[in-house]
N, C-alpha and C. Protein backbone atom coordinates (compact mmCIF):
# COMPACT_ATOMS: atom_id res chain seq x y z
N MET A 1 21.19 -89.03 93.50
CA MET A 1 21.28 -87.85 92.68
C MET A 1 22.29 -86.89 93.31
N GLY A 2 23.15 -86.29 92.49
CA GLY A 2 24.16 -85.34 92.97
C GLY A 2 23.62 -83.93 93.01
N TYR A 3 24.43 -83.05 93.51
CA TYR A 3 24.07 -81.64 93.61
C TYR A 3 25.11 -80.80 92.89
N LEU A 4 24.69 -79.62 92.46
CA LEU A 4 25.60 -78.72 91.77
C LEU A 4 25.39 -77.32 92.33
N ASN A 5 26.45 -76.70 92.76
CA ASN A 5 26.42 -75.33 93.25
C ASN A 5 27.51 -74.59 92.49
N SER A 6 27.13 -74.00 91.35
CA SER A 6 28.10 -73.35 90.48
C SER A 6 27.52 -72.05 89.93
N VAL A 7 28.35 -71.00 89.95
CA VAL A 7 27.93 -69.69 89.47
C VAL A 7 29.02 -69.13 88.57
N THR A 8 28.62 -68.55 87.45
CA THR A 8 29.53 -67.81 86.57
C THR A 8 28.89 -66.45 86.30
N LEU A 9 29.64 -65.40 86.58
CA LEU A 9 29.16 -64.04 86.35
C LEU A 9 30.17 -63.27 85.51
N VAL A 10 29.67 -62.47 84.58
CA VAL A 10 30.49 -61.52 83.84
C VAL A 10 29.83 -60.17 84.02
N GLY A 11 30.58 -59.24 84.59
CA GLY A 11 30.01 -57.92 84.86
C GLY A 11 31.10 -56.92 85.14
N ARG A 12 30.69 -55.79 85.68
CA ARG A 12 31.62 -54.71 86.01
C ARG A 12 31.69 -54.52 87.52
N LEU A 13 32.87 -54.15 87.99
CA LEU A 13 33.06 -53.92 89.42
C LEU A 13 32.39 -52.63 89.84
N GLY A 14 31.70 -52.68 90.95
CA GLY A 14 31.03 -51.51 91.48
C GLY A 14 31.82 -50.79 92.55
N ASN A 15 32.98 -51.33 92.91
CA ASN A 15 33.80 -50.70 93.94
C ASN A 15 35.27 -50.97 93.67
N ASP A 16 36.12 -50.13 94.22
CA ASP A 16 37.55 -50.42 94.20
C ASP A 16 37.83 -51.54 95.19
N ILE A 17 38.83 -52.33 94.91
CA ILE A 17 39.14 -53.49 95.74
C ILE A 17 39.92 -53.06 96.98
N VAL A 18 39.48 -53.56 98.13
CA VAL A 18 40.19 -53.33 99.38
C VAL A 18 40.68 -54.70 99.86
N LEU A 19 41.99 -54.87 99.84
CA LEU A 19 42.58 -56.14 100.25
C LEU A 19 42.72 -56.17 101.76
N LYS A 20 42.24 -57.25 102.36
CA LYS A 20 42.36 -57.44 103.81
C LYS A 20 43.10 -58.74 104.07
N THR A 21 43.57 -58.90 105.29
CA THR A 21 44.27 -60.11 105.68
C THR A 21 43.61 -60.68 106.92
N THR A 22 43.36 -61.99 106.91
CA THR A 22 42.75 -62.65 108.06
C THR A 22 43.80 -62.82 109.16
N GLY A 23 43.35 -63.28 110.32
CA GLY A 23 44.26 -63.55 111.42
C GLY A 23 45.28 -64.62 111.09
N ASN A 24 44.93 -65.51 110.15
CA ASN A 24 45.84 -66.57 109.71
C ASN A 24 46.79 -66.12 108.61
N GLY A 25 46.66 -64.86 108.18
CA GLY A 25 47.54 -64.33 107.14
C GLY A 25 47.06 -64.56 105.72
N HIS A 26 45.79 -64.98 105.54
CA HIS A 26 45.25 -65.20 104.20
C HIS A 26 44.67 -63.89 103.65
N ALA A 27 44.96 -63.61 102.38
CA ALA A 27 44.41 -62.42 101.72
C ALA A 27 42.95 -62.68 101.35
N VAL A 28 42.12 -61.65 101.51
CA VAL A 28 40.70 -61.75 101.17
C VAL A 28 40.21 -60.38 100.71
N CYS A 29 39.27 -60.37 99.77
CA CYS A 29 38.66 -59.11 99.35
C CYS A 29 37.24 -59.37 98.87
N GLU A 30 36.44 -58.31 98.88
CA GLU A 30 35.07 -58.40 98.39
C GLU A 30 34.97 -57.67 97.06
N LEU A 31 34.30 -58.31 96.11
CA LEU A 31 34.03 -57.70 94.81
C LEU A 31 32.52 -57.55 94.70
N ARG A 32 32.06 -56.35 94.37
CA ARG A 32 30.64 -56.13 94.09
C ARG A 32 30.52 -56.06 92.58
N ILE A 33 29.82 -57.04 91.99
CA ILE A 33 29.74 -57.14 90.54
C ILE A 33 28.34 -56.79 90.07
N CYS A 34 28.29 -55.91 89.08
CA CYS A 34 27.03 -55.48 88.48
C CYS A 34 26.82 -56.26 87.19
N THR A 35 25.70 -56.96 87.11
CA THR A 35 25.33 -57.67 85.88
C THR A 35 23.98 -57.16 85.41
N GLN A 36 23.69 -57.36 84.15
CA GLN A 36 22.41 -56.90 83.60
C GLN A 36 21.76 -58.01 82.80
N TRP A 37 20.45 -58.08 82.88
CA TRP A 37 19.64 -58.97 82.07
C TRP A 37 18.50 -58.13 81.56
N LYS A 38 18.51 -57.88 80.26
CA LYS A 38 17.55 -56.98 79.62
C LYS A 38 17.58 -55.64 80.34
N GLU A 39 16.51 -55.26 81.01
CA GLU A 39 16.44 -53.96 81.70
C GLU A 39 16.79 -54.06 83.18
N ASP A 40 16.97 -55.27 83.71
CA ASP A 40 17.23 -55.46 85.14
C ASP A 40 18.72 -55.41 85.44
N THR A 41 19.07 -54.72 86.52
CA THR A 41 20.44 -54.66 87.00
C THR A 41 20.51 -55.41 88.32
N GLU A 42 21.51 -56.26 88.45
CA GLU A 42 21.68 -57.06 89.66
C GLU A 42 23.07 -56.82 90.23
N TRP A 43 23.15 -56.61 91.54
CA TRP A 43 24.43 -56.46 92.23
C TRP A 43 24.68 -57.71 93.05
N THR A 44 25.86 -58.32 92.87
CA THR A 44 26.20 -59.56 93.55
C THR A 44 27.50 -59.37 94.32
N SER A 45 27.49 -59.78 95.59
CA SER A 45 28.71 -59.76 96.39
C SER A 45 29.50 -61.03 96.15
N CYS A 46 30.79 -60.89 95.94
CA CYS A 46 31.67 -62.03 95.73
C CYS A 46 32.87 -61.88 96.67
N THR A 47 33.35 -63.00 97.18
CA THR A 47 34.51 -63.00 98.06
C THR A 47 35.62 -63.80 97.41
N ALA A 48 36.77 -63.15 97.23
CA ALA A 48 37.94 -63.82 96.64
C ALA A 48 38.98 -64.01 97.75
N TRP A 49 39.65 -65.14 97.70
CA TRP A 49 40.63 -65.49 98.72
C TRP A 49 42.01 -65.67 98.10
N ARG A 50 43.01 -65.55 98.93
CA ARG A 50 44.41 -65.84 98.64
C ARG A 50 44.89 -65.16 97.36
N ARG A 51 45.38 -65.93 96.39
CA ARG A 51 45.99 -65.35 95.18
C ARG A 51 44.96 -64.58 94.35
N ASP A 52 43.72 -65.09 94.26
CA ASP A 52 42.69 -64.36 93.51
C ASP A 52 42.45 -62.98 94.12
N ALA A 53 42.45 -62.89 95.44
CA ALA A 53 42.26 -61.61 96.11
C ALA A 53 43.44 -60.67 95.83
N GLU A 54 44.64 -61.19 95.85
CA GLU A 54 45.82 -60.37 95.57
C GLU A 54 45.82 -59.86 94.14
N VAL A 55 45.47 -60.73 93.19
CA VAL A 55 45.41 -60.32 91.77
C VAL A 55 44.33 -59.25 91.58
N ALA A 56 43.17 -59.45 92.19
CA ALA A 56 42.09 -58.47 92.08
C ALA A 56 42.54 -57.11 92.62
N ALA A 57 43.20 -57.10 93.76
CA ALA A 57 43.65 -55.84 94.36
C ALA A 57 44.73 -55.16 93.51
N ASP A 58 45.58 -55.95 92.87
CA ASP A 58 46.67 -55.39 92.07
C ASP A 58 46.21 -54.85 90.72
N PHE A 59 45.20 -55.49 90.11
CA PHE A 59 44.89 -55.18 88.71
C PHE A 59 43.50 -54.63 88.45
N LEU A 60 42.59 -54.68 89.41
CA LEU A 60 41.21 -54.25 89.15
C LEU A 60 40.87 -52.97 89.89
N LYS A 61 39.97 -52.20 89.28
CA LYS A 61 39.41 -51.02 89.95
C LYS A 61 37.96 -50.86 89.50
N LYS A 62 37.27 -49.99 90.16
CA LYS A 62 35.86 -49.76 89.89
C LYS A 62 35.61 -49.53 88.40
N GLY A 63 34.62 -50.23 87.85
CA GLY A 63 34.26 -50.10 86.44
C GLY A 63 34.89 -51.13 85.54
N ASP A 64 35.92 -51.83 85.99
CA ASP A 64 36.58 -52.85 85.17
C ASP A 64 35.66 -54.05 84.98
N GLN A 65 35.77 -54.67 83.82
CA GLN A 65 34.98 -55.86 83.53
C GLN A 65 35.73 -57.10 84.01
N VAL A 66 34.99 -58.04 84.60
CA VAL A 66 35.59 -59.22 85.20
C VAL A 66 34.63 -60.40 85.06
N CYS A 67 35.21 -61.59 85.06
CA CYS A 67 34.43 -62.83 85.07
C CYS A 67 34.82 -63.60 86.32
N VAL A 68 33.84 -64.03 87.10
CA VAL A 68 34.11 -64.85 88.28
C VAL A 68 33.34 -66.16 88.16
N GLU A 69 33.98 -67.21 88.62
CA GLU A 69 33.33 -68.52 88.74
C GLU A 69 33.47 -68.93 90.19
N GLY A 70 32.44 -69.54 90.72
CA GLY A 70 32.50 -69.95 92.12
C GLY A 70 31.24 -70.68 92.54
N ARG A 71 30.97 -70.62 93.85
CA ARG A 71 29.81 -71.28 94.43
C ARG A 71 29.06 -70.32 95.33
N LEU A 72 27.76 -70.54 95.48
CA LEU A 72 26.96 -69.71 96.36
C LEU A 72 27.12 -70.15 97.81
N ARG A 73 27.16 -69.17 98.70
CA ARG A 73 27.23 -69.46 100.13
C ARG A 73 26.40 -68.39 100.83
N THR A 74 25.62 -68.81 101.82
CA THR A 74 24.87 -67.87 102.64
C THR A 74 25.45 -67.90 104.05
N ARG A 75 25.87 -66.73 104.52
CA ARG A 75 26.42 -66.60 105.86
C ARG A 75 25.35 -66.05 106.80
N LYS A 76 25.41 -66.44 108.06
CA LYS A 76 24.49 -65.98 109.08
C LYS A 76 25.29 -65.49 110.28
N TRP A 77 24.90 -64.33 110.82
CA TRP A 77 25.53 -63.81 112.02
C TRP A 77 24.51 -63.00 112.81
N MET A 78 24.84 -62.73 114.07
CA MET A 78 23.98 -61.94 114.93
C MET A 78 24.40 -60.49 114.84
N GLY A 79 23.49 -59.62 114.48
CA GLY A 79 23.78 -58.19 114.38
C GLY A 79 23.89 -57.55 115.75
N ASP A 80 24.35 -56.30 115.76
CA ASP A 80 24.48 -55.55 117.02
C ASP A 80 23.13 -55.37 117.71
N ASP A 81 22.05 -55.39 116.92
CA ASP A 81 20.71 -55.21 117.47
C ASP A 81 20.09 -56.53 117.95
N GLY A 82 20.87 -57.64 117.90
CA GLY A 82 20.38 -58.92 118.37
C GLY A 82 19.57 -59.70 117.36
N VAL A 83 19.45 -59.19 116.14
CA VAL A 83 18.68 -59.84 115.08
C VAL A 83 19.64 -60.61 114.17
N ASP A 84 19.20 -61.81 113.75
CA ASP A 84 20.00 -62.59 112.82
C ASP A 84 20.09 -61.89 111.47
N LYS A 85 21.29 -61.83 110.93
CA LYS A 85 21.55 -61.23 109.61
C LYS A 85 22.01 -62.32 108.67
N TYR A 86 21.66 -62.19 107.38
CA TYR A 86 22.04 -63.17 106.36
C TYR A 86 22.63 -62.45 105.17
N LYS A 87 23.61 -63.10 104.53
CA LYS A 87 24.19 -62.55 103.31
C LYS A 87 24.53 -63.70 102.38
N THR A 88 24.00 -63.66 101.17
CA THR A 88 24.33 -64.65 100.16
C THR A 88 25.37 -64.04 99.24
N GLU A 89 26.43 -64.80 98.98
CA GLU A 89 27.54 -64.30 98.18
C GLU A 89 28.11 -65.44 97.34
N VAL A 90 28.94 -65.06 96.37
CA VAL A 90 29.66 -66.03 95.56
C VAL A 90 31.07 -66.14 96.13
N VAL A 91 31.48 -67.35 96.47
CA VAL A 91 32.86 -67.60 96.88
C VAL A 91 33.63 -67.92 95.61
N VAL A 92 34.56 -67.05 95.25
CA VAL A 92 35.28 -67.13 93.97
C VAL A 92 36.32 -68.25 94.01
N ASN A 93 36.27 -69.12 92.98
CA ASN A 93 37.36 -70.10 92.84
C ASN A 93 38.11 -69.90 91.53
N ARG A 94 37.62 -68.96 90.69
CA ARG A 94 38.33 -68.60 89.46
C ARG A 94 37.99 -67.17 89.10
N LEU A 95 39.02 -66.39 88.86
CA LEU A 95 38.87 -64.98 88.52
C LEU A 95 39.53 -64.72 87.19
N VAL A 96 38.78 -64.15 86.24
CA VAL A 96 39.32 -63.85 84.92
C VAL A 96 39.20 -62.35 84.69
N LEU A 97 40.33 -61.71 84.44
CA LEU A 97 40.33 -60.28 84.16
C LEU A 97 40.01 -60.06 82.69
N ILE A 98 39.03 -59.22 82.42
CA ILE A 98 38.66 -58.91 81.05
C ILE A 98 39.11 -57.48 80.81
N GLY A 99 40.09 -57.31 79.93
CA GLY A 99 40.80 -56.05 79.81
C GLY A 99 40.06 -54.89 79.21
N GLU A 100 38.91 -55.09 78.60
CA GLU A 100 38.23 -54.00 77.93
C GLU A 100 37.49 -53.12 78.92
N LYS A 101 37.65 -51.81 78.79
CA LYS A 101 36.97 -50.87 79.67
C LYS A 101 35.76 -50.28 78.96
N LYS A 102 34.97 -49.56 79.73
CA LYS A 102 33.82 -48.87 79.15
C LYS A 102 34.28 -47.90 78.07
N GLN A 103 33.44 -47.71 77.06
CA GLN A 103 33.79 -46.83 75.94
C GLN A 103 34.16 -45.43 76.41
N GLN A 104 33.39 -44.86 77.35
CA GLN A 104 33.65 -43.49 77.75
C GLN A 104 34.93 -43.34 78.56
N GLU A 105 35.48 -44.43 79.10
CA GLU A 105 36.71 -44.34 79.86
C GLU A 105 37.95 -44.52 78.99
N GLN A 106 37.77 -45.01 77.78
CA GLN A 106 38.91 -45.24 76.91
C GLN A 106 39.42 -43.92 76.37
N LYS A 107 40.73 -43.77 76.38
CA LYS A 107 41.35 -42.57 75.83
C LYS A 107 42.14 -42.97 74.61
N THR A 108 42.02 -42.17 73.57
CA THR A 108 42.76 -42.45 72.35
C THR A 108 44.15 -41.85 72.47
N ARG A 109 45.14 -42.67 72.27
CA ARG A 109 46.52 -42.21 72.31
C ARG A 109 47.04 -42.05 70.89
N ILE A 110 47.60 -40.91 70.62
CA ILE A 110 48.20 -40.66 69.31
C ILE A 110 49.70 -40.79 69.49
N PRO A 111 50.32 -41.75 68.81
CA PRO A 111 51.76 -41.91 68.99
C PRO A 111 52.52 -40.72 68.41
N ALA A 112 53.58 -40.35 69.09
CA ALA A 112 54.41 -39.25 68.61
C ALA A 112 55.16 -39.69 67.37
N PHE A 113 55.33 -38.78 66.42
CA PHE A 113 56.05 -39.09 65.20
C PHE A 113 57.54 -38.98 65.47
N GLU A 114 58.25 -40.05 65.21
CA GLU A 114 59.69 -40.05 65.36
C GLU A 114 60.30 -40.57 64.06
N PRO A 115 61.04 -39.72 63.34
CA PRO A 115 61.63 -40.19 62.10
C PRO A 115 62.64 -41.29 62.37
N GLN A 116 62.63 -42.28 61.52
CA GLN A 116 63.52 -43.43 61.66
C GLN A 116 64.56 -43.40 60.55
N ALA A 117 65.74 -43.80 60.87
CA ALA A 117 66.78 -43.93 59.85
C ALA A 117 66.43 -45.13 58.98
N PRO A 118 66.73 -45.09 57.68
CA PRO A 118 66.41 -46.23 56.84
C PRO A 118 67.14 -47.48 57.33
N ALA A 119 66.44 -48.58 57.26
CA ALA A 119 67.03 -49.85 57.72
C ALA A 119 68.09 -50.29 56.73
N ARG A 120 69.18 -50.82 57.24
CA ARG A 120 70.26 -51.34 56.39
C ARG A 120 70.32 -52.82 56.60
N GLU A 121 70.27 -53.54 55.51
CA GLU A 121 70.34 -54.99 55.60
C GLU A 121 71.78 -55.44 55.55
N SER A 122 72.03 -56.46 56.26
CA SER A 122 73.37 -57.04 56.25
C SER A 122 73.52 -57.87 54.98
N ILE A 123 74.74 -58.05 54.53
CA ILE A 123 75.04 -58.86 53.35
C ILE A 123 74.54 -60.28 53.55
N ASP A 124 74.57 -60.78 54.80
CA ASP A 124 74.13 -62.14 55.09
C ASP A 124 72.61 -62.28 54.95
N ALA A 125 71.87 -61.18 55.01
CA ALA A 125 70.41 -61.28 54.95
C ALA A 125 69.89 -61.34 53.52
N ILE A 126 70.72 -61.10 52.53
CA ILE A 126 70.28 -61.12 51.14
C ILE A 126 70.15 -62.59 50.70
N PRO A 127 68.98 -62.98 50.18
CA PRO A 127 68.69 -64.40 49.94
C PRO A 127 69.24 -64.94 48.60
N PHE A 128 70.46 -64.70 48.22
CA PHE A 128 71.02 -65.34 47.02
C PHE A 128 72.45 -65.70 47.20
C-alpha cells in the first residue's frame, strides 16, 4: 500500500512576506495562511522555496488570497530552554496567486473623461 502526503489550501495571508536567503543562496519565505471552515478559523504555516518564494515576495501582501499545494512536514529542534520544540508546516510545491481582494479593500476607480476625435476609416477598410 502506498502513502499520500498532499495538502491544498485556499485562504488569505496573515502577514506580509519576508524573503530570506539560505547560506546556499536559496530564497525562502514563510506564509501564514488563514482558512475557515464554517465558524472555525485555522492558521497554517507554509514554507515556500526558490522561485515560489520570490514570486510570493514580489506579488503578495497581507490579506491577499492565495492557493498553495504541498506536503506536510514536522520539524523538531531544541529550544533555548533545552526543551524539544515541534512545528508542523506545509512545504509549498505550487503557489497560485488569486487576484481578488477583500471587498472592503477594493477601491472603485472612475476613469477620467477624455473626448476622442471621431475615428476615420481608411478606404481600404470599406468592405466593397
